[in-house]
């Protein structure tokens, strides 16, 4: 469930950016969210 929401938010963020600079910031934010989610999953194992 979290993964589906994260993927949806990532796709929304990528669709919303209008410049290369904006895309870089969006990708960085998405990467941080993915890293955070993976740490949460690993700590719950």
N, C-alpha and C. Protein backbone atom coordinates (compact mmCIF):
# COMPACT_ATOMS: atom_id res chain seq x y z
N UNK A 1 0.82 -1.19 0.00
CA UNK A 1 0.00 0.00 0.00
C UNK A 1 0.86 1.25 0.00
N UNK A 2 1.85 1.31 0.91
CA UNK A 2 2.74 2.47 0.95
C UNK A 2 3.49 2.64 -0.37
N UNK A 3 3.89 1.50 -0.92
CA UNK A 3 4.65 1.55 -2.17
C UNK A 3 3.80 2.13 -3.30
N UNK A 4 2.55 1.75 -3.37
CA UNK A 4 1.65 2.25 -4.40
C UNK A 4 1.46 3.76 -4.25
N UNK A 5 1.27 4.21 -3.03
CA UNK A 5 1.11 5.64 -2.78
C UNK A 5 2.38 6.39 -3.14
N UNK A 6 3.52 5.85 -2.76
CA UNK A 6 4.80 6.49 -3.06
C UNK A 6 5.03 6.60 -4.56
N UNK A 7 4.73 5.54 -5.28
CA UNK A 7 4.89 5.56 -6.74
C UNK A 7 3.95 6.59 -7.35
N UNK A 8 2.71 6.64 -6.87
CA UNK A 8 1.76 7.62 -7.38
C UNK A 8 2.21 9.04 -7.13
N UNK A 9 2.70 9.31 -5.93
CA UNK A 9 3.19 10.66 -5.62
C UNK A 9 4.42 11.02 -6.46
N UNK A 10 5.27 10.04 -6.69
CA UNK A 10 6.45 10.28 -7.51
C UNK A 10 6.05 10.64 -8.93
N UNK A 11 5.13 9.89 -9.49
CA UNK A 11 4.67 10.17 -10.85
C UNK A 11 3.99 11.54 -10.93
N UNK A 12 3.22 11.88 -9.92
CA UNK A 12 2.57 13.19 -9.88
C UNK A 12 3.61 14.30 -9.83
N UNK A 13 4.63 14.14 -9.00
CA UNK A 13 5.68 15.16 -8.88
C UNK A 13 6.43 15.32 -10.19
N UNK A 14 6.72 14.22 -10.86
CA UNK A 14 7.43 14.31 -12.14
C UNK A 14 6.57 14.98 -13.20
N UNK A 15 5.29 14.72 -13.19
CA UNK A 15 4.39 15.34 -14.17
C UNK A 15 4.23 16.83 -13.90
N UNK A 16 4.37 17.24 -12.65
CA UNK A 16 4.14 18.63 -12.29
C UNK A 16 5.33 19.54 -12.59
N UNK A 17 6.52 18.99 -12.70
CA UNK A 17 7.69 19.86 -12.91
C UNK A 17 7.74 20.33 -14.36
N UNK A 18 8.19 21.56 -14.55
CA UNK A 18 8.19 22.14 -15.89
C UNK A 18 9.59 22.41 -16.44
N UNK A 19 10.60 22.35 -15.62
CA UNK A 19 11.95 22.63 -16.09
C UNK A 19 12.89 21.51 -15.69
N UNK A 20 14.05 21.50 -16.29
CA UNK A 20 15.06 20.50 -15.95
C UNK A 20 15.48 20.65 -14.50
N UNK A 21 15.63 21.89 -14.06
CA UNK A 21 16.00 22.15 -12.67
C UNK A 21 14.91 21.63 -11.73
N UNK A 22 13.67 21.87 -12.07
CA UNK A 22 12.55 21.37 -11.27
C UNK A 22 12.52 19.85 -11.25
N UNK A 23 12.84 19.24 -12.38
CA UNK A 23 12.86 17.78 -12.45
C UNK A 23 13.94 17.22 -11.53
N UNK A 24 15.09 17.88 -11.51
CA UNK A 24 16.17 17.43 -10.63
C UNK A 24 15.76 17.49 -9.17
N UNK A 25 15.11 18.57 -8.78
CA UNK A 25 14.65 18.68 -7.39
C UNK A 25 13.58 17.65 -7.09
N UNK A 26 12.68 17.42 -8.04
CA UNK A 26 11.63 16.42 -7.83
C UNK A 26 12.22 15.02 -7.69
N UNK A 27 13.19 14.70 -8.52
CA UNK A 27 13.83 13.37 -8.44
C UNK A 27 14.59 13.21 -7.13
N UNK A 28 15.23 14.27 -6.70
CA UNK A 28 15.95 14.21 -5.42
C UNK A 28 14.98 13.96 -4.27
N UNK A 29 13.87 14.66 -4.27
CA UNK A 29 12.86 14.49 -3.22
C UNK A 29 12.27 13.09 -3.27
N UNK A 30 12.01 12.59 -4.47
CA UNK A 30 11.47 11.24 -4.61
C UNK A 30 12.48 10.21 -4.10
N UNK A 31 13.75 10.40 -4.41
CA UNK A 31 14.79 9.49 -3.93
C UNK A 31 14.87 9.47 -2.41
N UNK A 32 14.74 10.64 -1.81
CA UNK A 32 14.76 10.72 -0.35
C UNK A 32 13.55 10.00 0.24
N UNK A 33 12.39 10.14 -0.39
CA UNK A 33 11.19 9.47 0.10
C UNK A 33 11.33 7.95 0.00
N UNK A 34 11.90 7.49 -1.11
CA UNK A 34 12.11 6.05 -1.29
C UNK A 34 13.10 5.52 -0.26
N UNK A 35 14.17 6.26 -0.03
CA UNK A 35 15.16 5.85 0.97
C UNK A 35 14.53 5.77 2.36
N UNK A 36 13.73 6.77 2.68
CA UNK A 36 13.07 6.79 3.99
C UNK A 36 12.11 5.61 4.13
N UNK A 37 11.35 5.34 3.08
CA UNK A 37 10.41 4.22 3.13
C UNK A 37 11.15 2.89 3.27
N UNK A 38 12.27 2.75 2.58
CA UNK A 38 13.02 1.49 2.67
C UNK A 38 13.61 1.30 4.07
N UNK A 39 14.06 2.40 4.70
CA UNK A 39 14.56 2.31 6.07
C UNK A 39 13.43 1.90 7.02
N UNK A 40 12.23 2.44 6.82
CA UNK A 40 11.09 2.07 7.64
C UNK A 40 10.78 0.58 7.51
N UNK A 41 10.80 0.09 6.29
CA UNK A 41 10.51 -1.33 6.06
C UNK A 41 11.57 -2.20 6.71
N UNK A 42 12.83 -1.84 6.56
CA UNK A 42 13.91 -2.63 7.13
C UNK A 42 13.84 -2.64 8.67
N UNK A 43 13.47 -1.52 9.25
CA UNK A 43 13.41 -1.47 10.72
C UNK A 43 12.22 -2.26 11.25
N UNK A 44 11.21 -2.49 10.43
CA UNK A 44 10.03 -3.24 10.86
C UNK A 44 10.18 -4.74 10.62
N UNK A 45 11.29 -5.17 10.03
CA UNK A 45 11.48 -6.61 9.78
C UNK A 45 11.94 -7.33 11.01
